[in-house]
C-alpha atoms as a PDB file:
ATOM      1  CA  MET A   1      -5.920  15.672 -36.045  1.00  0.00           C
ATOM      2  CA  LEU A   2      -6.635  16.728 -32.466  1.00  0.00           C
ATOM      3  CA  LYS A   3      -7.791  20.309 -31.998  1.00  0.00           C
ATOM      4  CA  ASN A   4      -6.031  20.489 -28.612  1.00  0.00           C
ATOM      5  CA  ASP A   5      -2.809  18.475 -28.553  1.00  0.00           C
ATOM      6  CA  LEU A   6      -1.181  20.391 -25.677  1.00  0.00           C
ATOM      7  CA  PHE A   7      -1.047  17.292 -23.469  1.00  0.00           C
ATOM      8  CA  LEU A   8       0.568  15.124 -26.145  1.00  0.00           C
ATOM      9  CA  ARG A   9       3.129  17.799 -26.983  1.00  0.00           C
ATOM     10  CA  ALA A  10       4.070  18.024 -23.308  1.00  0.00           C
ATOM     11  CA  LEU A  11       4.529  14.245 -23.215  1.00  0.00           C
ATOM     12  CA  LYS A  12       7.001  14.590 -26.081  1.00  0.00           C
ATOM     13  CA  GLY A  13       9.041  16.992 -23.970  1.00  0.00           C
ATOM     14  CA  GLU A  14       8.184  20.012 -26.085  1.00  0.00           C
ATOM     15  CA  ILE A  15       8.091  23.479 -24.544  1.00  0.00           C
ATOM     16  CA  VAL A  16       4.388  24.323 -24.395  1.00  0.00           C
ATOM     17  CA  GLU A  17       2.523  27.570 -23.885  1.00  0.00           C
ATOM     18  CA  ARG A  18       1.068  26.433 -20.535  1.00  0.00           C
ATOM     19  CA  PRO A  19       0.947  23.246 -18.458  1.00  0.00           C
ATOM     20  CA  PRO A  20      -1.806  20.919 -19.695  1.00  0.00           C
ATOM     21  CA  VAL A  21      -4.466  20.162 -17.092  1.00  0.00           C
ATOM     22  CA  TRP A  22      -6.175  16.871 -16.311  1.00  0.00           C
ATOM     23  CA  MET A  23      -6.994  15.034 -13.087  1.00  0.00           C
ATOM     24  CA  MET A  24      -6.727  11.380 -12.162  1.00  0.00           C
ATOM     25  CA  ARG A  25     -10.272  11.307 -10.791  1.00  0.00           C
ATOM     26  CA  GLN A  26     -11.747  13.717 -13.266  1.00  0.00           C
ATOM     27  CA  ALA A  27     -15.176  12.092 -13.271  1.00  0.00           C
ATOM     28  CA  GLY A  28     -16.829  11.656  -9.928  1.00  0.00           C
ATOM     29  CA  ARG A  29     -19.002  12.673  -7.042  1.00  0.00           C
ATOM     30  CA  TYR A  30     -18.435  16.416  -7.383  1.00  0.00           C
ATOM     31  CA  LEU A  31     -20.540  16.351 -10.558  1.00  0.00           C
ATOM     32  CA  PRO A  32     -24.333  16.266 -10.094  1.00  0.00           C
ATOM     33  CA  GLU A  33     -24.757  14.549 -13.465  1.00  0.00           C
ATOM     34  CA  PHE A  34     -22.418  11.789 -12.275  1.00  0.00           C
ATOM     35  CA  MET A  35     -24.457  11.375  -9.098  1.00  0.00           C
ATOM     36  CA  GLU A  36     -27.600  10.900 -11.155  1.00  0.00           C
ATOM     37  CA  ILE A  37     -25.990   7.961 -12.953  1.00  0.00           C
ATOM     38  CA  LYS A  38     -24.559   6.626  -9.682  1.00  0.00           C
ATOM     39  CA  LYS A  39     -28.058   6.465  -8.180  1.00  0.00           C
ATOM     40  CA  LYS A  40     -29.255   4.198 -10.984  1.00  0.00           C
ATOM     41  CA  TYR A  41     -26.316   1.867 -11.610  1.00  0.00           C
ATOM     42  CA  ASP A  42     -23.804   0.075  -9.396  1.00  0.00           C
ATOM     43  CA  PHE A  43     -20.082   0.621  -9.857  1.00  0.00           C
ATOM     44  CA  PHE A  44     -19.140  -2.259 -12.117  1.00  0.00           C
ATOM     45  CA  THR A  45     -22.289  -1.803 -14.213  1.00  0.00           C
ATOM     46  CA  ARG A  46     -21.024   1.700 -14.920  1.00  0.00           C
ATOM     47  CA  CYS A  47     -17.615   0.297 -15.872  1.00  0.00           C
ATOM     48  CA  ARG A  48     -18.996  -2.517 -18.035  1.00  0.00           C
ATOM     49  CA  THR A  49     -21.602  -0.514 -19.950  1.00  0.00           C
ATOM     50  CA  PRO A  50     -19.809   1.353 -22.755  1.00  0.00           C
ATOM     51  CA  GLU A  51     -22.417   4.092 -23.081  1.00  0.00           C
ATOM     52  CA  LEU A  52     -22.342   4.806 -19.336  1.00  0.00           C
ATOM     53  CA  ALA A  53     -18.539   4.698 -19.106  1.00  0.00           C
ATOM     54  CA  SER A  54     -18.141   7.021 -22.073  1.00  0.00           C
ATOM     55  CA  GLU A  55     -20.762   9.445 -20.776  1.00  0.00           C
ATOM     56  CA  ILE A  56     -19.078   9.590 -17.355  1.00  0.00           C
ATOM     57  CA  THR A  57     -15.704  10.155 -19.052  1.00  0.00           C
ATOM     58  CA  VAL A  58     -16.846  13.219 -20.984  1.00  0.00           C
ATOM     59  CA  GLN A  59     -18.984  14.834 -18.261  1.00  0.00           C
ATOM     60  CA  PRO A  60     -16.115  16.836 -16.711  1.00  0.00           C
ATOM     61  CA  ILE A  61     -14.834  17.812 -20.162  1.00  0.00           C
ATOM     62  CA  ARG A  62     -18.161  19.423 -20.999  1.00  0.00           C
ATOM     63  CA  ARG A  63     -18.097  21.429 -17.772  1.00  0.00           C
ATOM     64  CA  TYR A  64     -14.462  22.386 -17.408  1.00  0.00           C
ATOM     65  CA  GLY A  65     -12.656  21.818 -20.694  1.00  0.00           C
ATOM     66  CA  MET A  66      -9.630  19.864 -19.460  1.00  0.00           C
ATOM     67  CA  ASP A  67      -6.772  19.222 -21.864  1.00  0.00           C
ATOM     68  CA  ALA A  68      -7.206  15.432 -21.753  1.00  0.00           C
ATOM     69  CA  ALA A  69      -9.895  12.929 -20.814  1.00  0.00           C
ATOM     70  CA  ILE A  70      -9.189   9.746 -18.856  1.00  0.00           C
ATOM     71  CA  LEU A  71     -11.443   6.780 -19.490  1.00  0.00           C
ATOM     72  CA  PHE A  72     -13.803   5.908 -16.645  1.00  0.00           C
ATOM     73  CA  CYS A  73     -12.929   2.384 -15.558  1.00  0.00           C
ATOM     74  CA  ASP A  74     -11.170   0.615 -12.669  1.00  0.00           C
ATOM     75  CA  ILE A  75      -7.832  -1.121 -12.236  1.00  0.00           C
ATOM     76  CA  LEU A  76      -9.596  -4.196 -10.838  1.00  0.00           C
ATOM     77  CA  VAL A  77     -11.219  -5.152 -14.136  1.00  0.00           C
ATOM     78  CA  ILE A  78      -7.889  -6.906 -14.797  1.00  0.00           C
ATOM     79  CA  PRO A  79      -8.232  -9.498 -11.992  1.00  0.00           C
ATOM     80  CA  GLN A  80     -11.899  -9.937 -12.877  1.00  0.00           C
ATOM     81  CA  ALA A  81     -10.809 -10.944 -16.376  1.00  0.00           C
ATOM     82  CA  MET A  82      -8.220 -13.291 -14.836  1.00  0.00           C
ATOM     83  CA  ASN A  83     -10.866 -15.442 -13.118  1.00  0.00           C
ATOM     84  CA  ILE A  84     -10.724 -13.639  -9.757  1.00  0.00           C
ATOM     85  CA  GLU A  85     -13.999 -12.436  -8.275  1.00  0.00           C
ATOM     86  CA  VAL A  86     -14.006  -8.736  -7.393  1.00  0.00           C
ATOM     87  CA  GLN A  87     -16.898  -6.948  -5.725  1.00  0.00           C
ATOM     88  CA  MET A  88     -17.247  -3.233  -5.042  1.00  0.00           C
ATOM     89  CA  LYS A  89     -19.093  -2.785  -1.768  1.00  0.00           C
ATOM     90  CA  PRO A  90     -20.761   0.564  -1.016  1.00  0.00           C
ATOM     91  CA  ASN A  91     -19.028   2.465   1.799  1.00  0.00           C
ATOM     92  CA  PHE A  92     -16.326  -0.220   1.924  1.00  0.00           C
ATOM     93  CA  GLY A  93     -14.541  -0.427  -1.403  1.00  0.00           C
ATOM     94  CA  PRO A  94     -13.117  -3.416  -3.263  1.00  0.00           C
ATOM     95  CA  PHE A  95     -13.659  -6.861  -1.787  1.00  0.00           C
ATOM     96  CA  LEU A  96     -12.232 -10.103  -3.177  1.00  0.00           C
ATOM     97  CA  PRO A  97     -13.946 -13.037  -1.424  1.00  0.00           C
ATOM     98  CA  ASN A  98     -11.395 -15.620  -2.602  1.00  0.00           C
ATOM     99  CA  PRO A  99      -7.975 -13.985  -2.203  1.00  0.00           C
ATOM    100  CA  ILE A 100      -4.798 -15.478  -3.641  1.00  0.00           C
ATOM    101  CA  ARG A 101      -2.847 -17.079  -0.796  1.00  0.00           C
ATOM    102  CA  SER A 102      -1.056 -20.133  -2.283  1.00  0.00           C
ATOM    103  CA  GLN A 103       0.510 -21.658  -5.377  1.00  0.00           C
ATOM    104  CA  LYS A 104      -2.728 -23.577  -5.938  1.00  0.00           C
ATOM    105  CA  ASP A 105      -4.625 -20.289  -6.022  1.00  0.00           C
ATOM    106  CA  VAL A 106      -2.144 -18.873  -8.536  1.00  0.00           C
ATOM    107  CA  ASP A 107      -2.611 -21.957 -10.719  1.00  0.00           C
ATOM    108  CA  HIS A 108      -6.317 -21.141 -11.060  1.00  0.00           C
ATOM    109  CA  VAL A 109      -5.574 -17.633 -12.338  1.00  0.00           C
ATOM    110  CA  ILE A 110      -5.733 -17.311 -16.126  1.00  0.00           C
ATOM    111  CA  VAL A 111      -4.140 -14.964 -18.641  1.00  0.00           C
ATOM    112  CA  PRO A 112      -7.308 -14.076 -20.556  1.00  0.00           C
ATOM    113  CA  ASP A 113      -8.035 -13.003 -24.096  1.00  0.00           C
ATOM    114  CA  VAL A 114      -8.507  -9.320 -23.316  1.00  0.00           C
ATOM    115  CA  ASN A 115     -10.327  -8.729 -26.589  1.00  0.00           C
ATOM    116  CA  VAL A 116     -13.065 -11.022 -25.283  1.00  0.00           C
ATOM    117  CA  GLU A 117     -13.093 -10.550 -21.509  1.00  0.00           C
ATOM    118  CA  LEU A 118     -12.446  -6.802 -21.615  1.00  0.00           C
ATOM    119  CA  ASP A 119     -14.133  -5.958 -24.901  1.00  0.00           C
ATOM    120  CA  TYR A 120     -16.539  -3.663 -23.037  1.00  0.00           C
ATOM    121  CA  VAL A 121     -13.578  -1.394 -22.241  1.00  0.00           C
ATOM    122  CA  MET A 122     -12.612  -1.202 -25.913  1.00  0.00           C
ATOM    123  CA  GLN A 123     -16.198  -0.380 -26.844  1.00  0.00           C
ATOM    124  CA  ALA A 124     -16.224   2.364 -24.197  1.00  0.00           C
ATOM    125  CA  ILE A 125     -13.064   3.821 -25.749  1.00  0.00           C
ATOM    126  CA  LYS A 126     -14.658   3.900 -29.191  1.00  0.00           C
ATOM    127  CA  ALA A 127     -17.832   5.520 -27.831  1.00  0.00           C
ATOM    128  CA  THR A 128     -15.776   8.095 -25.928  1.00  0.00           C
ATOM    129  CA  LYS A 129     -13.688   8.958 -28.980  1.00  0.00           C
ATOM    130  CA  GLU A 130     -16.897   9.675 -30.871  1.00  0.00           C
ATOM    131  CA  LYS A 131     -18.108  11.988 -28.110  1.00  0.00           C
ATOM    132  CA  LEU A 132     -14.760  13.787 -27.876  1.00  0.00           C
ATOM    133  CA  ASN A 133     -14.812  14.367 -31.645  1.00  0.00           C
ATOM    134  CA  ASP A 134     -11.032  14.944 -31.869  1.00  0.00           C
ATOM    135  CA  GLU A 135     -11.166  17.823 -29.400  1.00  0.00           C
ATOM    136  CA  ILE A 136      -8.668  16.420 -26.854  1.00  0.00           C
ATOM    137  CA  PRO A 137      -6.645  13.227 -26.241  1.00  0.00           C
ATOM    138  CA  LEU A 138      -7.991  10.222 -24.353  1.00  0.00           C
ATOM    139  CA  ILE A 139      -5.890   8.476 -21.687  1.00  0.00           C
ATOM    140  CA  GLY A 140      -6.213   4.784 -20.866  1.00  0.00           C
ATOM    141  CA  PHE A 141      -4.815   3.340 -17.657  1.00  0.00           C
ATOM    142  CA  ALA A 142      -3.974   0.214 -15.706  1.00  0.00           C
ATOM    143  CA  GLY A 143      -2.749  -0.562 -12.228  1.00  0.00           C
ATOM    144  CA  SER A 144       0.793  -1.793 -11.747  1.00  0.00           C
ATOM    145  CA  PRO A 145       1.205  -5.549 -11.281  1.00  0.00           C
ATOM    146  CA  TRP A 146       2.270  -5.003  -7.651  1.00  0.00           C
ATOM    147  CA  THR A 147      -0.777  -2.855  -6.897  1.00  0.00           C
ATOM    148  CA  ILE A 148      -3.102  -5.418  -8.499  1.00  0.00           C
ATOM    149  CA  LEU A 149      -1.409  -8.211  -6.539  1.00  0.00           C
ATOM    150  CA  CYS A 150      -1.941  -6.247  -3.320  1.00  0.00           C
ATOM    151  CA  TYR A 151      -5.717  -6.417  -3.761  1.00  0.00           C
ATOM    152  CA  CYS A 152      -5.669  -9.997  -5.045  1.00  0.00           C
ATOM    153  CA  VAL A 153      -3.812 -11.260  -1.966  1.00  0.00           C
ATOM    154  CA  GLN A 154      -5.113  -8.901   0.713  1.00  0.00           C
ATOM    155  CA  GLY A 155      -8.694  -9.302  -0.468  1.00  0.00           C
ATOM    156  CA  GLN A 156      -9.537  -5.652   0.211  1.00  0.00           C
ATOM    157  CA  GLY A 157      -7.974  -2.262   0.753  1.00  0.00           C
ATOM    158  CA  SER A 158      -5.413  -1.960   3.525  1.00  0.00           C
ATOM    159  CA  LYS A 159      -3.187   0.561   5.275  1.00  0.00           C
ATOM    160  CA  ASN A 160      -0.113  -1.642   4.879  1.00  0.00           C
ATOM    161  CA  PHE A 161      -1.052  -4.654   2.689  1.00  0.00           C
ATOM    162  CA  ASP A 162       0.686  -6.928   5.173  1.00  0.00           C
ATOM    163  CA  LYS A 163      -0.755 -10.139   3.703  1.00  0.00           C
ATOM    164  CA  ALA A 164       0.431  -9.187   0.225  1.00  0.00           C
ATOM    165  CA  LYS A 165       3.931  -8.494   1.501  1.00  0.00           C
ATOM    166  CA  GLU A 166       3.976 -11.720   3.516  1.00  0.00           C
ATOM    167  CA  PHE A 167       2.954 -13.655   0.394  1.00  0.00           C
ATOM    168  CA  CYS A 168       5.855 -12.142  -1.554  1.00  0.00           C
ATOM    169  CA  PHE A 169       8.377 -12.776   1.206  1.00  0.00           C
ATOM    170  CA  THR A 170       7.316 -16.337   2.114  1.00  0.00           C
ATOM    171  CA  GLN A 171       5.999 -17.690  -1.216  1.00  0.00           C
ATOM    172  CA  THR A 172       8.285 -15.804  -3.526  1.00  0.00           C
ATOM    173  CA  MET A 173       8.051 -18.129  -6.542  1.00  0.00           C
ATOM    174  CA  ALA A 174       4.254 -18.091  -6.452  1.00  0.00           C
ATOM    175  CA  ALA A 175       4.280 -14.312  -6.070  1.00  0.00           C
ATOM    176  CA  HIS A 176       6.508 -13.855  -9.103  1.00  0.00           C
ATOM    177  CA  GLU A 177       4.344 -16.203 -11.165  1.00  0.00           C
ATOM    178  CA  MET A 178       1.278 -14.187 -10.195  1.00  0.00           C
ATOM    179  CA  LEU A 179       3.011 -10.890 -10.951  1.00  0.00           C
ATOM    180  CA  GLN A 180       4.042 -12.175 -14.374  1.00  0.00           C
ATOM    181  CA  LYS A 181       0.493 -13.285 -15.179  1.00  0.00           C
ATOM    182  CA  ILE A 182      -0.771  -9.824 -14.237  1.00  0.00           C
ATOM    183  CA  THR A 183       1.990  -8.219 -16.307  1.00  0.00           C
ATOM    184  CA  ASP A 184       1.201 -10.289 -19.401  1.00  0.00           C
ATOM    185  CA  THR A 185      -2.495  -9.468 -19.075  1.00  0.00           C
ATOM    186  CA  THR A 186      -1.794  -5.776 -18.536  1.00  0.00           C
ATOM    187  CA  ILE A 187       0.438  -5.528 -21.600  1.00  0.00           C
ATOM    188  CA  ALA A 188      -2.220  -7.137 -23.796  1.00  0.00           C
ATOM    189  CA  TYR A 189      -4.904  -4.926 -22.217  1.00  0.00           C
ATOM    190  CA  LEU A 190      -3.034  -1.662 -22.780  1.00  0.00           C
ATOM    191  CA  LYS A 191      -2.101  -2.635 -26.335  1.00  0.00           C
ATOM    192  CA  ALA A 192      -5.782  -3.325 -27.030  1.00  0.00           C
ATOM    193  CA  LYS A 193      -6.660   0.071 -25.567  1.00  0.00           C
ATOM    194  CA  VAL A 194      -4.198   1.791 -27.880  1.00  0.00           C
ATOM    195  CA  LYS A 195      -5.619  -0.108 -30.853  1.00  0.00           C
ATOM    196  CA  ALA A 196      -9.131   0.942 -29.771  1.00  0.00           C
ATOM    197  CA  GLY A 197      -8.097   4.594 -29.804  1.00  0.00           C
ATOM    198  CA  VAL A 198      -6.490   5.907 -26.604  1.00  0.00           C
ATOM    199  CA  ASN A 199      -3.730   8.442 -27.243  1.00  0.00           C
ATOM    200  CA  ALA A 200      -1.616   7.684 -24.161  1.00  0.00           C
ATOM    201  CA  VAL A 201      -1.548   5.217 -21.271  1.00  0.00           C
ATOM    202  CA  GLN A 202      -0.733   5.590 -17.598  1.00  0.00           C
ATOM    203  CA  VAL A 203       0.338   2.863 -15.177  1.00  0.00           C
ATOM    204  CA  PHE A 204      -0.611   3.535 -11.550  1.00  0.00           C
ATOM    205  CA  ASP A 205       1.573   2.027  -8.852  1.00  0.00           C
ATOM    206  CA  SER A 206      -0.653   3.136  -5.999  1.00  0.00           C
ATOM    207  CA  TRP A 207       0.990   0.941  -3.354  1.00  0.00           C
ATOM    208  CA  GLY A 208       4.612   0.848  -4.493  1.00  0.00           C
ATOM    209  CA  GLY A 209       5.566   3.115  -1.611  1.00  0.00           C
ATOM    210  CA  MET A 210       4.678   0.294   0.786  1.00  0.00           C
ATOM    211  CA  LEU A 211       7.856  -1.522  -0.271  1.00  0.00           C
ATOM    212  CA  SER A 212      11.485  -0.877   0.585  1.00  0.00           C
ATOM    213  CA  PRO A 213      13.611   0.299  -2.368  1.00  0.00           C
ATOM    214  CA  THR A 214      15.125  -3.191  -2.720  1.00  0.00           C
ATOM    215  CA  ASP A 215      11.770  -4.972  -2.549  1.00  0.00           C
ATOM    216  CA  TYR A 216      10.307  -2.403  -4.934  1.00  0.00           C
ATOM    217  CA  GLN A 217      12.838  -3.383  -7.573  1.00  0.00           C
ATOM    218  CA  GLU A 218      12.012  -7.080  -7.153  1.00  0.00           C
ATOM    219  CA  PHE A 219       8.247  -7.041  -6.770  1.00  0.00           C
ATOM    220  CA  SER A 220       7.173  -3.931  -8.634  1.00  0.00           C
ATOM    221  CA  TRP A 221       9.581  -2.089 -10.861  1.00  0.00           C
ATOM    222  CA  GLN A 222      10.869  -4.982 -12.963  1.00  0.00           C
ATOM    223  CA  TYR A 223       7.291  -5.725 -14.009  1.00  0.00           C
ATOM    224  CA  MET A 224       6.470  -2.087 -14.709  1.00  0.00           C
ATOM    225  CA  GLN A 225       9.575  -1.917 -16.890  1.00  0.00           C
ATOM    226  CA  GLN A 226       8.215  -4.819 -18.945  1.00  0.00           C
ATOM    227  CA  ILE A 227       5.026  -2.834 -19.522  1.00  0.00           C
ATOM    228  CA  VAL A 228       6.915   0.290 -20.565  1.00  0.00           C
ATOM    229  CA  ASP A 229       9.121  -1.737 -22.920  1.00  0.00           C
ATOM    230  CA  ALA A 230       6.070  -3.319 -24.562  1.00  0.00           C
ATOM    231  CA  LEU A 231       4.085  -0.091 -24.977  1.00  0.00           C
ATOM    232  CA  LYS A 232       6.560   2.754 -25.476  1.00  0.00           C
ATOM    233  CA  ASP A 233       6.697   2.378 -29.270  1.00  0.00           C
ATOM    234  CA  GLU A 234       2.903   2.260 -29.563  1.00  0.00           C
ATOM    235  CA  ALA A 235       1.815   5.204 -27.388  1.00  0.00           C
ATOM    236  CA  PRO A 236       3.273   7.590 -24.797  1.00  0.00           C
ATOM    237  CA  VAL A 237       3.511   5.844 -21.419  1.00  0.00           C
ATOM    238  CA  ILE A 238       3.163   7.697 -18.114  1.00  0.00           C
ATOM    239  CA  VAL A 239       4.418   5.985 -14.961  1.00  0.00           C
ATOM    240  CA  PHE A 240       3.106   7.027 -11.558  1.00  0.00           C
ATOM    241  CA  GLY A 241       4.353   5.504  -8.331  1.00  0.00           C
ATOM    242  CA  LYS A 242       2.778   6.867  -5.166  1.00  0.00           C
ATOM    243  CA  GLY A 243       5.454   7.335  -2.508  1.00  0.00           C
ATOM    244  CA  CYS A 244       8.106   6.010  -4.898  1.00  0.00           C
ATOM    245  CA  TRP A 245      10.400   9.038  -5.080  1.00  0.00           C
ATOM    246  CA  PHE A 246      13.350   6.679  -4.483  1.00  0.00           C
ATOM    247  CA  ALA A 247      12.699   5.058  -7.878  1.00  0.00           C
ATOM    248  CA  LEU A 248      12.438   8.246  -9.945  1.00  0.00           C
ATOM    249  CA  GLY A 249      15.955   7.798 -11.329  1.00  0.00           C
ATOM    250  CA  ASP A 250      15.159   4.344 -12.703  1.00  0.00           C
ATOM    251  CA  MET A 251      11.792   5.517 -13.957  1.00  0.00           C
ATOM    252  CA  ALA A 252      13.420   8.379 -15.873  1.00  0.00           C
ATOM    253  CA  LYS A 253      15.632   5.891 -17.752  1.00  0.00           C
ATOM    254  CA  SER A 254      12.796   3.456 -18.473  1.00  0.00           C
ATOM    255  CA  GLY A 255      11.594   4.785 -21.807  1.00  0.00           C
ATOM    256  CA  ALA A 256       8.417   6.247 -20.310  1.00  0.00           C
ATOM    257  CA  ALA A 257       7.291   9.566 -21.788  1.00  0.00           C
ATOM    258  CA  ALA A 258       6.451  11.128 -18.426  1.00  0.00           C
ATOM    259  CA  LEU A 259       6.443  10.476 -14.704  1.00  0.00           C
ATOM    260  CA  GLY A 260       3.756  11.287 -12.176  1.00  0.00           C
ATOM    261  CA  VAL A 261       5.095  12.797  -8.953  1.00  0.00           C
ATOM    262  CA  ASP A 262       3.069  12.863  -5.741  1.00  0.00           C
ATOM    263  CA  TRP A 263       3.054  15.568  -3.069  1.00  0.00           C
ATOM    264  CA  THR A 264       5.760  13.903  -0.949  1.00  0.00           C
ATOM    265  CA  CYS A 265       8.488  14.931  -3.403  1.00  0.00           C
ATOM    266  CA  SER A 266       9.061  18.567  -4.354  1.00  0.00           C
ATOM    267  CA  PRO A 267       9.212  19.448  -8.060  1.00  0.00           C
ATOM    268  CA  LYS A 268      12.781  20.664  -7.544  1.00  0.00           C
ATOM    269  CA  ASN A 269      13.867  17.356  -6.015  1.00  0.00           C
ATOM    270  CA  ALA A 270      11.973  15.358  -8.644  1.00  0.00           C
ATOM    271  CA  ARG A 271      13.768  17.287 -11.359  1.00  0.00           C
ATOM    272  CA  TYR A 272      17.102  16.600  -9.651  1.00  0.00           C
ATOM    273  CA  LEU A 273      16.392  12.875  -9.208  1.00  0.00           C
ATOM    274  CA  THR A 274      15.351  12.452 -12.841  1.00  0.00           C
ATOM    275  CA  GLY A 275      18.222  14.495 -14.249  1.00  0.00           C
ATOM    276  CA  GLY A 276      15.846  16.943 -15.890  1.00  0.00           C
ATOM    277  CA  THR A 277      15.440  14.611 -18.857  1.00  0.00           C
ATOM    278  CA  ILE A 278      11.750  13.689 -18.714  1.00  0.00           C
ATOM    279  CA  THR A 279       8.341  15.339 -18.482  1.00  0.00           C
ATOM    280  CA  LEU A 280       6.918  15.476 -14.955  1.00  0.00           C
ATOM    281  CA  GLN A 281       3.274  15.782 -13.954  1.00  0.00           C
ATOM    282  CA  GLY A 282       1.223  15.993 -10.789  1.00  0.00           C
ATOM    283  CA  ASN A 283       2.620  17.010  -7.380  1.00  0.00           C
ATOM    284  CA  PHE A 284      -0.760  18.145  -6.046  1.00  0.00           C
ATOM    285  CA  ASP A 285      -1.971  16.951  -2.648  1.00  0.00           C
ATOM    286  CA  PRO A 286      -5.559  15.756  -3.297  1.00  0.00           C
ATOM    287  CA  SER A 287      -6.547  16.804   0.232  1.00  0.00           C
ATOM    288  CA  ARG A 288      -5.843  20.471  -0.492  1.00  0.00           C
END
């Protein structure tokens, strides 16, 4: 029994005594104890070492007592497990030296056994649960298939992910095959996270707002809906689409427990677009 279940009660749509508080980048550079670890270990070593990942996850909880913890990890561990090389370059960000640009490239991508390739994540969850000692819930997360595809095709971060969009528009069958492989891997990954002990999961569609509403339905939302359908009976699912206010109506009907709303959509408008039928979270501009 969790001592603080405020976050989970809010996900159920219950009226709670105050809004639960957690942040998407709870662990990070603002914490001196995090910086000490960062000096000693590179990014993916931190992700792949359960003791380090769990320690980083609980650092902000010790200081500030948030209502939920979110596991320290990265959305790009999924393509790594799928036989795609991913590097994290200092002062640059993610870099994929062999981007997906053709059907042949897609053919080399595997749907892995997540309990083998991503076992370090499950061990980090178990270590974190021990540290949290039933004080607060633990959130697990994954990137949306579209967002993962953006990095896999572009090969790095981008302002517009033009190569990813071109791939979808000109090699549509290959793009859909790749998106389905990512979706299948993500479903297995999130189910394994729930089995390992997370109390809720969130799917981040960081780059969904790059697409038109029609293209969003084809290349992003239909795959996110598959994830919600597969997970909703196992744990509360939160869906967050950055810049995707136009899809809030569909998201509200998806079976997700809650929706993340970014700063480009007012809470009043988000409530209107969703029909007032689902828990909303977020709406803070991270630059403020």
